């Protein structure tokens, strides 16, 4: 809750108005990540907050990383010609809430 009027990112927040910070937006900080809006599975960025931070870190994050590595390696080994069936600009993203992603991901091989 803003205790006084303040301008943030070109938007005025009036005293008494609420502000909701979205944790996942931290993963798209251009000061922390080169080309933050591009998917780069080889980026190797270990300072993201996808699994939380500090006392709120996900206990299953190491298992999730192993599972993702196994799935991605297996997928591209078994289907090496896997590619998007539509240009990236035509994909329909879910970007109106806390969960960010795609409504669908059309692929071809």
PDB file of N, CA and C in Angstrom:
ATOM      1  N   UNK A   1       0.854  -1.156   0.000  1.00  0.00           N
ATOM      2  CA  UNK A   1       0.000   0.000   0.000  1.00  0.00           C
ATOM      3  C   UNK A   1       0.912   1.234   0.000  1.00  0.00           C
ATOM      4  N   UNK A   2       0.691   2.106  -0.978  1.00  0.00           N
ATOM      5  CA  UNK A   2       1.484   3.336  -1.057  1.00  0.00           C
ATOM      6  C   UNK A   2       1.071   4.278   0.074  1.00  0.00           C
ATOM      7  N   UNK A   3       2.040   4.796   0.811  1.00  0.00           N
ATOM      8  CA  UNK A   3       1.745   5.719   1.914  1.00  0.00           C
ATOM      9  C   UNK A   3       1.734   7.174   1.441  1.00  0.00           C
ATOM     10  N   UNK A   4       2.285   7.390   0.234  1.00  0.00           N
ATOM     11  CA  UNK A   4       2.243   8.724  -0.370  1.00  0.00           C
ATOM     12  C   UNK A   4       2.280   8.535  -1.886  1.00  0.00           C
ATOM     13  N   UNK A   5       1.924   9.583  -2.617  1.00  0.00           N
ATOM     14  CA  UNK A   5       1.992   9.517  -4.073  1.00  0.00           C
ATOM     15  C   UNK A   5       3.431   9.272  -4.490  1.00  0.00           C
ATOM     16  N   UNK A   6       3.605   8.394  -5.478  1.00  0.00           N
ATOM     17  CA  UNK A   6       4.946   8.088  -5.972  1.00  0.00           C
ATOM     18  C   UNK A   6       4.827   7.719  -7.451  1.00  0.00           C
ATOM     19  N   UNK A   7       5.858   8.054  -8.210  1.00  0.00           N
ATOM     20  CA  UNK A   7       5.891   7.657  -9.614  1.00  0.00           C
ATOM     21  C   UNK A   7       6.871   6.502  -9.751  1.00  0.00           C
ATOM     22  N   UNK A   8       6.427   5.449 -10.387  1.00  0.00           N
ATOM     23  CA  UNK A   8       7.237   4.253 -10.563  1.00  0.00           C
ATOM     24  C   UNK A   8       7.103   3.787 -12.005  1.00  0.00           C
ATOM     25  N   UNK A   9       8.200   3.798 -12.730  1.00  0.00           N
ATOM     26  CA  UNK A   9       8.171   3.361 -14.125  1.00  0.00           C
ATOM     27  C   UNK A   9       7.241   4.180 -14.993  1.00  0.00           C
ATOM     28  N   UNK A  10       7.119   5.461 -14.688  1.00  0.00           N
ATOM     29  CA  UNK A  10       6.269   6.336 -15.492  1.00  0.00           C
ATOM     30  C   UNK A  10       4.798   6.277 -15.116  1.00  0.00           C
ATOM     31  N   UNK A  11       4.464   5.556 -14.047  1.00  0.00           N
ATOM     32  CA  UNK A  11       3.078   5.428 -13.595  1.00  0.00           C
ATOM     33  C   UNK A  11       2.968   6.034 -12.206  1.00  0.00           C
ATOM     34  N   UNK A  12       1.956   6.868 -12.003  1.00  0.00           N
ATOM     35  CA  UNK A  12       1.745   7.460 -10.690  1.00  0.00           C
ATOM     36  C   UNK A  12       0.887   6.526  -9.846  1.00  0.00           C
ATOM     37  N   UNK A  13       1.414   6.213  -8.662  1.00  0.00           N
ATOM     38  CA  UNK A  13       0.673   5.404  -7.695  1.00  0.00           C
ATOM     39  C   UNK A  13       0.277   6.361  -6.576  1.00  0.00           C
ATOM     40  N   UNK A  14      -1.012   6.481  -6.342  1.00  0.00           N
ATOM     41  CA  UNK A  14      -1.535   7.429  -5.361  1.00  0.00           C
ATOM     42  C   UNK A  14      -1.493   6.827  -3.957  1.00  0.00           C
ATOM     43  N   UNK A  15      -1.361   7.692  -2.980  1.00  0.00           N
ATOM     44  CA  UNK A  15      -1.397   7.259  -1.580  1.00  0.00           C
ATOM     45  C   UNK A  15      -2.675   6.452  -1.338  1.00  0.00           C
ATOM     46  N   UNK A  16      -2.532   5.296  -0.706  1.00  0.00           N
ATOM     47  CA  UNK A  16      -3.682   4.448  -0.418  1.00  0.00           C
ATOM     48  C   UNK A  16      -3.914   3.358  -1.456  1.00  0.00           C
ATOM     49  N   UNK A  17      -3.300   3.473  -2.618  1.00  0.00           N
ATOM     50  CA  UNK A  17      -3.451   2.437  -3.644  1.00  0.00           C
ATOM     51  C   UNK A  17      -2.520   1.265  -3.349  1.00  0.00           C
ATOM     52  N   UNK A  18      -2.974   0.093  -3.698  1.00  0.00           N
ATOM     53  CA  UNK A  18      -2.166  -1.102  -3.497  1.00  0.00           C
ATOM     54  C   UNK A  18      -1.278  -1.388  -4.689  1.00  0.00           C
ATOM     55  N   UNK A  19      -0.161  -2.036  -4.418  1.00  0.00           N
ATOM     56  CA  UNK A  19       0.778  -2.434  -5.462  1.00  0.00           C
ATOM     57  C   UNK A  19       1.103  -3.905  -5.240  1.00  0.00           C
ATOM     58  N   UNK A  20       1.067  -4.673  -6.299  1.00  0.00           N
ATOM     59  CA  UNK A  20       1.388  -6.094  -6.210  1.00  0.00           C
ATOM     60  C   UNK A  20       2.650  -6.348  -7.009  1.00  0.00           C
ATOM     61  N   UNK A  21       3.700  -6.754  -6.337  1.00  0.00           N
ATOM     62  CA  UNK A  21       4.949  -7.078  -7.021  1.00  0.00           C
ATOM     63  C   UNK A  21       4.920  -8.530  -7.475  1.00  0.00           C
ATOM     64  N   UNK A  22       5.223  -8.786  -8.728  1.00  0.00           N
ATOM     65  CA  UNK A  22       5.224 -10.147  -9.253  1.00  0.00           C
ATOM     66  C   UNK A  22       6.647 -10.683  -9.246  1.00  0.00           C
ATOM     67  N   UNK A  23       6.884 -11.708  -8.461  1.00  0.00           N
ATOM     68  CA  UNK A  23       8.207 -12.287  -8.295  1.00  0.00           C
ATOM     69  C   UNK A  23       8.813 -12.716  -9.632  1.00  0.00           C
ATOM     70  N   UNK A  24       7.999 -13.288 -10.510  1.00  0.00           N
ATOM     71  CA  UNK A  24       8.534 -13.823 -11.761  1.00  0.00           C
ATOM     72  C   UNK A  24       9.059 -12.741 -12.707  1.00  0.00           C
ATOM     73  N   UNK A  25       8.617 -11.505 -12.522  1.00  0.00           N
ATOM     74  CA  UNK A  25       9.148 -10.432 -13.366  1.00  0.00           C
ATOM     75  C   UNK A  25      10.627 -10.204 -13.092  1.00  0.00           C
ATOM     76  N   UNK A  26      11.109 -10.615 -11.928  1.00  0.00           N
ATOM     77  CA  UNK A  26      12.535 -10.485 -11.612  1.00  0.00           C
ATOM     78  C   UNK A  26      13.389 -11.305 -12.571  1.00  0.00           C
ATOM     79  N   UNK A  27      12.843 -12.363 -13.125  1.00  0.00           N
ATOM     80  CA  UNK A  27      13.587 -13.207 -14.060  1.00  0.00           C
ATOM     81  C   UNK A  27      13.719 -12.571 -15.441  1.00  0.00           C
ATOM     82  N   UNK A  28      13.114 -11.432 -15.640  1.00  0.00           N
ATOM     83  CA  UNK A  28      13.182 -10.752 -16.930  1.00  0.00           C
ATOM     84  C   UNK A  28      13.843  -9.383 -16.804  1.00  0.00           C
ATOM     85  N   UNK A  29      14.671  -9.230 -15.788  1.00  0.00           N
ATOM     86  CA  UNK A  29      15.368  -7.974 -15.522  1.00  0.00           C
ATOM     87  C   UNK A  29      16.554  -7.849 -16.484  1.00  0.00           C
ATOM     88  N   UNK A  30      16.544  -6.853 -17.381  1.00  0.00           N
ATOM     89  CA  UNK A  30      17.640  -6.720 -18.338  1.00  0.00           C
ATOM     90  C   UNK A  30      18.977  -6.376 -17.683  1.00  0.00           C
ATOM     91  N   UNK A  31      18.959  -5.895 -16.445  1.00  0.00           N
ATOM     92  CA  UNK A  31      20.221  -5.632 -15.742  1.00  0.00           C
ATOM     93  C   UNK A  31      20.842  -6.922 -15.203  1.00  0.00           C
ATOM     94  N   UNK A  32      20.024  -7.947 -15.050  1.00  0.00           N
ATOM     95  CA  UNK A  32      20.516  -9.223 -14.524  1.00  0.00           C
ATOM     96  C   UNK A  32      20.710 -10.275 -15.613  1.00  0.00           C
ATOM     97  N   UNK A  33      19.923 -10.182 -16.691  1.00  0.00           N
ATOM     98  CA  UNK A  33      19.946 -11.210 -17.724  1.00  0.00           C
ATOM     99  C   UNK A  33      20.087 -10.587 -19.112  1.00  0.00           C
ATOM    100  N   UNK A  34      21.072 -11.056 -19.862  1.00  0.00           N
ATOM    101  CA  UNK A  34      21.224 -10.609 -21.239  1.00  0.00           C
ATOM    102  C   UNK A  34      20.069 -11.165 -22.057  1.00  0.00           C
ATOM    103  N   UNK A  35      19.422 -10.324 -22.840  1.00  0.00           N
ATOM    104  CA  UNK A  35      18.268 -10.702 -23.655  1.00  0.00           C
ATOM    105  C   UNK A  35      17.226 -11.450 -22.800  1.00  0.00           C
ATOM    106  N   UNK A  36      16.662 -10.801 -21.790  1.00  0.00           N
ATOM    107  CA  UNK A  36      15.775 -11.475 -20.846  1.00  0.00           C
ATOM    108  C   UNK A  36      14.471 -12.001 -21.440  1.00  0.00           C
ATOM    109  N   UNK A  37      14.046 -11.472 -22.583  1.00  0.00           N
ATOM    110  CA  UNK A  37      12.792 -11.915 -23.179  1.00  0.00           C
ATOM    111  C   UNK A  37      12.964 -13.057 -24.169  1.00  0.00           C
ATOM    112  N   UNK A  38      14.202 -13.552 -24.311  1.00  0.00           N
ATOM    113  CA  UNK A  38      14.455 -14.665 -25.219  1.00  0.00           C
ATOM    114  C   UNK A  38      14.686 -15.945 -24.429  1.00  0.00           C
ATOM    115  N   UNK A  39      14.085 -17.036 -24.891  1.00  0.00           N
ATOM    116  CA  UNK A  39      14.318 -18.340 -24.273  1.00  0.00           C
ATOM    117  C   UNK A  39      15.687 -18.844 -24.710  1.00  0.00           C
ATOM    118  N   UNK A  40      16.536 -19.079 -23.737  1.00  0.00           N
ATOM    119  CA  UNK A  40      17.877 -19.599 -24.000  1.00  0.00           C
ATOM    120  C   UNK A  40      18.146 -20.685 -22.973  1.00  0.00           C
ATOM    121  N   UNK A  41      17.890 -21.941 -23.348  1.00  0.00           N
ATOM    122  CA  UNK A  41      18.025 -23.031 -22.378  1.00  0.00           C
ATOM    123  C   UNK A  41      19.473 -23.285 -22.009  1.00  0.00           C
ATOM    124  N   UNK A  42      20.413 -22.681 -22.712  1.00  0.00           N
ATOM    125  CA  UNK A  42      21.834 -22.843 -22.394  1.00  0.00           C
ATOM    126  C   UNK A  42      22.392 -21.626 -21.643  1.00  0.00           C
ATOM    127  N   UNK A  43      21.529 -20.705 -21.243  1.00  0.00           N
ATOM    128  CA  UNK A  43      21.970 -19.462 -20.604  1.00  0.00           C
ATOM    129  C   UNK A  43      22.806 -19.724 -19.354  1.00  0.00           C
ATOM    130  N   UNK A  44      22.434 -20.714 -18.561  1.00  0.00           N
ATOM    131  CA  UNK A  44      23.198 -21.033 -17.368  1.00  0.00           C
ATOM    132  C   UNK A  44      23.042 -20.021 -16.246  1.00  0.00           C
ATOM    133  N   UNK A  45      22.007 -19.219 -16.279  1.00  0.00           N
ATOM    134  CA  UNK A  45      21.785 -18.214 -15.229  1.00  0.00           C
ATOM    135  C   UNK A  45      21.342 -18.910 -13.953  1.00  0.00           C
ATOM    136  N   UNK A  46      22.160 -18.852 -12.927  1.00  0.00           N
ATOM    137  CA  UNK A  46      21.832 -19.530 -11.675  1.00  0.00           C
ATOM    138  C   UNK A  46      21.239 -18.569 -10.638  1.00  0.00           C
ATOM    139  N   UNK A  47      21.093 -17.307 -10.968  1.00  0.00           N
ATOM    140  CA  UNK A  47      20.567 -16.343 -10.002  1.00  0.00           C
ATOM    141  C   UNK A  47      19.125 -15.932 -10.301  1.00  0.00           C
ATOM    142  N   UNK A  48      18.379 -16.829 -10.951  1.00  0.00           N
ATOM    143  CA  UNK A  48      16.966 -16.568 -11.212  1.00  0.00           C
ATOM    144  C   UNK A  48      16.153 -16.883  -9.947  1.00  0.00           C
ATOM    145  N   UNK A  49      14.889 -16.525  -9.952  1.00  0.00           N
ATOM    146  CA  UNK A  49      14.038 -16.796  -8.802  1.00  0.00           C
ATOM    147  C   UNK A  49      12.865 -17.707  -9.173  1.00  0.00           C
ATOM    148  N   UNK A  50      13.053 -18.548 -10.183  1.00  0.00           N
ATOM    149  CA  UNK A  50      11.985 -19.440 -10.628  1.00  0.00           C
ATOM    150  C   UNK A  50      11.549 -20.423  -9.534  1.00  0.00           C
ATOM    151  N   UNK A  51      12.459 -20.760  -8.642  1.00  0.00           N
ATOM    152  CA  UNK A  51      12.130 -21.683  -7.551  1.00  0.00           C
ATOM    153  C   UNK A  51      12.047 -20.965  -6.212  1.00  0.00           C
ATOM    154  N   UNK A  52      11.752 -19.687  -6.237  1.00  0.00           N
ATOM    155  CA  UNK A  52      11.651 -18.920  -5.015  1.00  0.00           C
ATOM    156  C   UNK A  52      13.005 -18.368  -4.613  1.00  0.00           C
ATOM    157  N   UNK A  53      13.052 -17.869  -3.372  1.00  0.00           N
ATOM    158  CA  UNK A  53      14.286 -17.246  -2.889  1.00  0.00           C
ATOM    159  C   UNK A  53      14.319 -17.323  -1.369  1.00  0.00           C
ATOM    160  N   UNK A  54      15.504 -17.494  -0.825  1.00  0.00           N
ATOM    161  CA  UNK A  54      15.685 -17.493   0.622  1.00  0.00           C
ATOM    162  C   UNK A  54      14.863 -18.567   1.307  1.00  0.00           C
ATOM    163  N   UNK A  55      14.160 -18.214   2.400  1.00  0.00           N
ATOM    164  CA  UNK A  55      13.393 -19.220   3.140  1.00  0.00           C
ATOM    165  C   UNK A  55      12.193 -19.749   2.358  1.00  0.00           C
ATOM    166  N   UNK A  56      11.884 -19.134   1.238  1.00  0.00           N
ATOM    167  CA  UNK A  56      10.736 -19.560   0.434  1.00  0.00           C
ATOM    168  C   UNK A  56      11.163 -20.362  -0.797  1.00  0.00           C
ATOM    169  N   UNK A  57      12.379 -20.872  -0.788  1.00  0.00           N
ATOM    170  CA  UNK A  57      12.849 -21.680  -1.920  1.00  0.00           C
ATOM    171  C   UNK A  57      12.130 -23.021  -1.951  1.00  0.00           C
ATOM    172  N   UNK A  58      11.897 -23.502  -3.149  1.00  0.00           N
ATOM    173  CA  UNK A  58      11.239 -24.789  -3.363  1.00  0.00           C
ATOM    174  C   UNK A  58      12.170 -25.930  -2.944  1.00  0.00           C
ATOM    175  N   UNK A  59      11.666 -26.809  -2.091  1.00  0.00           N
ATOM    176  CA  UNK A  59      12.468 -27.949  -1.647  1.00  0.00           C
ATOM    177  C   UNK A  59      12.731 -28.939  -2.782  1.00  0.00           C
ATOM    178  N   UNK A  60      11.854 -28.961  -3.780  1.00  0.00           N
ATOM    179  CA  UNK A  60      11.995 -29.906  -4.877  1.00  0.00           C
ATOM    180  C   UNK A  60      12.748 -29.369  -6.081  1.00  0.00           C
ATOM    181  N   UNK A  61      13.417 -28.212  -5.935  1.00  0.00           N
ATOM    182  CA  UNK A  61      14.046 -27.588  -7.093  1.00  0.00           C
ATOM    183  C   UNK A  61      15.128 -28.450  -7.733  1.00  0.00           C
ATOM    184  N   UNK A  62      15.902 -29.184  -6.947  1.00  0.00           N
ATOM    185  CA  UNK A  62      16.955 -30.015  -7.546  1.00  0.00           C
ATOM    186  C   UNK A  62      16.357 -31.168  -8.347  1.00  0.00           C
ATOM    187  N   UNK A  63      15.292 -31.780  -7.831  1.00  0.00           N
ATOM    188  CA  UNK A  63      14.611 -32.830  -8.574  1.00  0.00           C
ATOM    189  C   UNK A  63      14.001 -32.255  -9.855  1.00  0.00           C
ATOM    190  N   UNK A  64      13.382 -31.081  -9.770  1.00  0.00           N
ATOM    191  CA  UNK A  64      12.782 -30.452 -10.953  1.00  0.00           C
ATOM    192  C   UNK A  64      13.831 -30.164 -12.015  1.00  0.00           C
ATOM    193  N   UNK A  65      15.012 -29.711 -11.609  1.00  0.00           N
ATOM    194  CA  UNK A  65      16.091 -29.442 -12.573  1.00  0.00           C
ATOM    195  C   UNK A  65      16.535 -30.726 -13.268  1.00  0.00           C
ATOM    196  N   UNK A  66      16.682 -31.805 -12.511  1.00  0.00           N
ATOM    197  CA  UNK A  66      17.079 -33.090 -13.102  1.00  0.00           C
ATOM    198  C   UNK A  66      16.011 -33.574 -14.076  1.00  0.00           C
ATOM    199  N   UNK A  67      14.745 -33.455 -13.678  1.00  0.00           N
ATOM    200  CA  UNK A  67      13.648 -33.880 -14.552  1.00  0.00           C
ATOM    201  C   UNK A  67      13.629 -33.063 -15.843  1.00  0.00           C
ATOM    202  N   UNK A  68      13.774 -31.745 -15.736  1.00  0.00           N
ATOM    203  CA  UNK A  68      13.772 -30.898 -16.925  1.00  0.00           C
ATOM    204  C   UNK A  68      14.942 -31.219 -17.851  1.00  0.00           C
ATOM    205  N   UNK A  69      16.121 -31.403 -17.271  1.00  0.00           N
ATOM    206  CA  UNK A  69      17.297 -31.731 -18.077  1.00  0.00           C
ATOM    207  C   UNK A  69      17.083 -33.049 -18.823  1.00  0.00           C
ATOM    208  N   UNK A  70      16.532 -34.033 -18.134  1.00  0.00           N
ATOM    209  CA  UNK A  70      16.277 -35.344 -18.745  1.00  0.00           C
ATOM    210  C   UNK A  70      15.248 -35.236 -19.864  1.00  0.00           C
ATOM    211  N   UNK A  71      14.166 -34.528 -19.602  1.00  0.00           N
ATOM    212  CA  UNK A  71      13.104 -34.390 -20.605  1.00  0.00           C
ATOM    213  C   UNK A  71      13.605 -33.648 -21.838  1.00  0.00           C
ATOM    214  N   UNK A  72      14.278 -32.525 -21.642  1.00  0.00           N
ATOM    215  CA  UNK A  72      14.744 -31.721 -22.780  1.00  0.00           C
ATOM    216  C   UNK A  72      15.785 -32.486 -23.589  1.00  0.00           C
ATOM    217  N   UNK A  73      16.756 -33.108 -22.914  1.00  0.00           N
ATOM    218  CA  UNK A  73      17.770 -33.891 -23.633  1.00  0.00           C
ATOM    219  C   UNK A  73      17.135 -35.020 -24.429  1.00  0.00           C
ATOM    220  N   UNK A  74      16.204 -35.744 -23.800  1.00  0.00           N
ATOM    221  CA  UNK A  74      15.545 -36.875 -24.466  1.00  0.00           C
ATOM    222  C   UNK A  74      14.699 -36.405 -25.637  1.00  0.00           C
ATOM    223  N   UNK A  75      13.948 -35.345 -25.438  1.00  0.00           N
ATOM    224  CA  UNK A  75      13.077 -34.826 -26.495  1.00  0.00           C
ATOM    225  C   UNK A  75      13.867 -34.469 -27.747  1.00  0.00           C
ATOM    226  N   UNK A  76      14.942 -33.699 -27.599  1.00  0.00           N
ATOM    227  CA  UNK A  76      15.704 -33.267 -28.771  1.00  0.00           C
ATOM    228  C   UNK A  76      16.583 -34.376 -29.348  1.00  0.00           C
ATOM    229  N   UNK A  77      16.920 -35.364 -28.559  1.00  0.00           N
ATOM    230  CA  UNK A  77      17.654 -36.506 -29.096  1.00  0.00           C
ATOM    231  C   UNK A  77      16.725 -37.384 -29.946  1.00  0.00           C
ATOM    232  N   UNK A  78      15.493 -37.580 -29.473  1.00  0.00           N
ATOM    233  CA  UNK A  78      14.531 -38.434 -30.186  1.00  0.00           C
ATOM    234  C   UNK A  78      13.870 -37.719 -31.360  1.00  0.00           C
ATOM    235  N   UNK A  79      13.705 -36.409 -31.258  1.00  0.00           N
ATOM    236  CA  UNK A  79      13.067 -35.628 -32.332  1.00  0.00           C
ATOM    237  C   UNK A  79      13.982 -34.449 -32.662  1.00  0.00           C
ATOM    238  N   UNK A  80      15.095 -34.702 -33.355  1.00  0.00           N
ATOM    239  CA  UNK A  80      16.068 -33.634 -33.598  1.00  0.00           C
ATOM    240  C   UNK A  80      15.562 -32.507 -34.499  1.00  0.00           C
ATOM    241  N   UNK A  81      14.526 -32.764 -35.296  1.00  0.00           N
ATOM    242  CA  UNK A  81      13.998 -31.735 -36.195  1.00  0.00           C
ATOM    243  C   UNK A  81      12.830 -30.956 -35.593  1.00  0.00           C
ATOM    244  N   UNK A  82      12.598 -31.104 -34.299  1.00  0.00           N
ATOM    245  CA  UNK A  82      11.510 -30.407 -33.637  1.00  0.00           C
ATOM    246  C   UNK A  82      11.679 -28.901 -33.796  1.00  0.00           C
ATOM    247  N   UNK A  83      10.609 -28.227 -34.210  1.00  0.00           N
ATOM    248  CA  UNK A  83      10.668 -26.776 -34.434  1.00  0.00           C
ATOM    249  C   UNK A  83       9.281 -26.185 -34.240  1.00  0.00           C
ATOM    250  N   UNK A  84       9.230 -24.880 -34.045  1.00  0.00           N
ATOM    251  CA  UNK A  84       7.949 -24.189 -33.950  1.00  0.00           C
ATOM    252  C   UNK A  84       7.211 -24.285 -35.278  1.00  0.00           C
ATOM    253  N   UNK A  85       5.903 -24.486 -35.211  1.00  0.00           N
ATOM    254  CA  UNK A  85       5.089 -24.541 -36.418  1.00  0.00           C
ATOM    255  C   UNK A  85       4.581 -23.157 -36.818  1.00  0.00           C
ATOM    256  N   UNK A  86       4.732 -22.183 -35.935  1.00  0.00           N
ATOM    257  CA  UNK A  86       4.328 -20.803 -36.187  1.00  0.00           C
ATOM    258  C   UNK A  86       5.479 -19.895 -35.785  1.00  0.00           C
ATOM    259  N   UNK A  87       5.555 -18.728 -36.359  1.00  0.00           N
ATOM    260  CA  UNK A  87       6.566 -17.764 -35.896  1.00  0.00           C
ATOM    261  C   UNK A  87       6.282 -17.371 -34.441  1.00  0.00           C
ATOM    262  N   UNK A  88       7.315 -17.089 -33.696  1.00  0.00           N
ATOM    263  CA  UNK A  88       7.183 -16.709 -32.293  1.00  0.00           C
ATOM    264  C   UNK A  88       6.184 -15.577 -32.099  1.00  0.00           C
ATOM    265  N   UNK A  89       6.180 -14.615 -32.999  1.00  0.00           N
ATOM    266  CA  UNK A  89       5.306 -13.452 -32.891  1.00  0.00           C
ATOM    267  C   UNK A  89       3.824 -13.829 -32.954  1.00  0.00           C
ATOM    268  N   UNK A  90       3.503 -15.001 -33.498  1.00  0.00           N
ATOM    269  CA  UNK A  90       2.106 -15.427 -33.640  1.00  0.00           C
ATOM    270  C   UNK A  90       1.634 -16.303 -32.480  1.00  0.00           C
ATOM    271  N   UNK A  91       2.504 -16.642 -31.551  1.00  0.00           N
ATOM    272  CA  UNK A  91       2.121 -17.484 -30.422  1.00  0.00           C
ATOM    273  C   UNK A  91       1.298 -16.683 -29.423  1.00  0.00           C
ATOM    274  N   UNK A  92       0.332 -17.358 -28.809  1.00  0.00           N
ATOM    275  CA  UNK A  92      -0.599 -16.724 -27.882  1.00  0.00           C
ATOM    276  C   UNK A  92      -0.121 -16.960 -26.443  1.00  0.00           C
ATOM    277  N   UNK A  93       0.452 -15.913 -25.828  1.00  0.00           N
ATOM    278  CA  UNK A  93       1.012 -16.020 -24.483  1.00  0.00           C
ATOM    279  C   UNK A  93      -0.018 -15.697 -23.403  1.00  0.00           C
ATOM    280  N   UNK A  94       0.107 -16.373 -22.274  1.00  0.00           N
ATOM    281  CA  UNK A  94      -0.657 -16.060 -21.064  1.00  0.00           C
ATOM    282  C   UNK A  94       0.188 -15.060 -20.294  1.00  0.00           C
ATOM    283  N   UNK A  95      -0.143 -13.797 -20.363  1.00  0.00           N
ATOM    284  CA  UNK A  95       0.672 -12.800 -19.681  1.00  0.00           C
ATOM    285  C   UNK A  95      -0.154 -11.829 -18.852  1.00  0.00           C
ATOM    286  N   UNK A  96      -1.301 -12.298 -18.369  1.00  0.00           N
ATOM    287  CA  UNK A  96      -2.183 -11.414 -17.621  1.00  0.00           C
ATOM    288  C   UNK A  96      -2.254 -11.765 -16.141  1.00  0.00           C
ATOM    289  N   UNK A  97      -1.455 -12.690 -15.673  1.00  0.00           N
ATOM    290  CA  UNK A  97      -1.517 -13.068 -14.269  1.00  0.00           C
ATOM    291  C   UNK A  97      -0.174 -13.522 -13.753  1.00  0.00           C
ATOM    292  N   UNK A  98      -0.207 -14.225 -12.647  1.00  0.00           N
ATOM    293  CA  UNK A  98       1.015 -14.691 -12.014  1.00  0.00           C
ATOM    294  C   UNK A  98       1.683 -15.792 -12.825  1.00  0.00           C
ATOM    295  N   UNK A  99       0.891 -16.648 -13.457  1.00  0.00           N
ATOM    296  CA  UNK A  99       1.436 -17.751 -14.253  1.00  0.00           C
ATOM    297  C   UNK A  99       1.661 -17.267 -15.674  1.00  0.00           C
ATOM    298  N   UNK A 100       2.905 -17.325 -16.129  1.00  0.00           N
ATOM    299  CA  UNK A 100       3.252 -16.884 -17.480  1.00  0.00           C
ATOM    300  C   UNK A 100       3.518 -18.118 -18.327  1.00  0.00           C
ATOM    301  N   UNK A 101       3.101 -18.106 -19.550  1.00  0.00           N
ATOM    302  CA  UNK A 101       3.361 -19.235 -20.446  1.00  0.00           C
ATOM    303  C   UNK A 101       2.590 -19.076 -21.732  1.00  0.00           C
ATOM    304  N   UNK A 102       2.364 -20.198 -22.392  1.00  0.00           N
ATOM    305  CA  UNK A 102       1.659 -20.224 -23.662  1.00  0.00           C
ATOM    306  C   UNK A 102       0.315 -20.916 -23.504  1.00  0.00           C
ATOM    307  N   UNK A 103      -0.668 -20.491 -24.292  1.00  0.00           N
ATOM    308  CA  UNK A 103      -1.936 -21.206 -24.337  1.00  0.00           C
ATOM    309  C   UNK A 103      -1.741 -22.518 -25.101  1.00  0.00           C
ATOM    310  N   UNK A 104      -0.911 -22.488 -26.118  1.00  0.00           N
ATOM    311  CA  UNK A 104      -0.572 -23.708 -26.862  1.00  0.00           C
ATOM    312  C   UNK A 104       0.780 -23.493 -27.535  1.00  0.00           C
ATOM    313  N   UNK A 105       1.434 -24.595 -27.856  1.00  0.00           N
ATOM    314  CA  UNK A 105       2.751 -24.523 -28.494  1.00  0.00           C
ATOM    315  C   UNK A 105       2.754 -25.460 -29.712  1.00  0.00           C
ATOM    316  N   UNK A 106       2.354 -24.934 -30.876  1.00  0.00           N
ATOM    317  CA  UNK A 106       2.324 -25.769 -32.081  1.00  0.00           C
ATOM    318  C   UNK A 106       3.739 -26.050 -32.581  1.00  0.00           C
ATOM    319  N   UNK A 107       4.030 -27.322 -32.805  1.00  0.00           N
ATOM    320  CA  UNK A 107       5.363 -27.723 -33.264  1.00  0.00           C
ATOM    321  C   UNK A 107       5.245 -28.624 -34.500  1.00  0.00           C
ATOM    322  N   UNK A 108       6.348 -28.781 -35.152  1.00  0.00           N
ATOM    323  CA  UNK A 108       6.450 -29.660 -36.317  1.00  0.00           C
ATOM    324  C   UNK A 108       7.771 -30.394 -36.243  1.00  0.00           C
ATOM    325  N   UNK A 109       7.869 -31.539 -36.946  1.00  0.00           N
ATOM    326  CA  UNK A 109       9.144 -32.261 -37.060  1.00  0.00           C
ATOM    327  C   UNK A 109       9.184 -33.091 -38.307  1.00  0.00           C
TER     328      UNK A 109
END
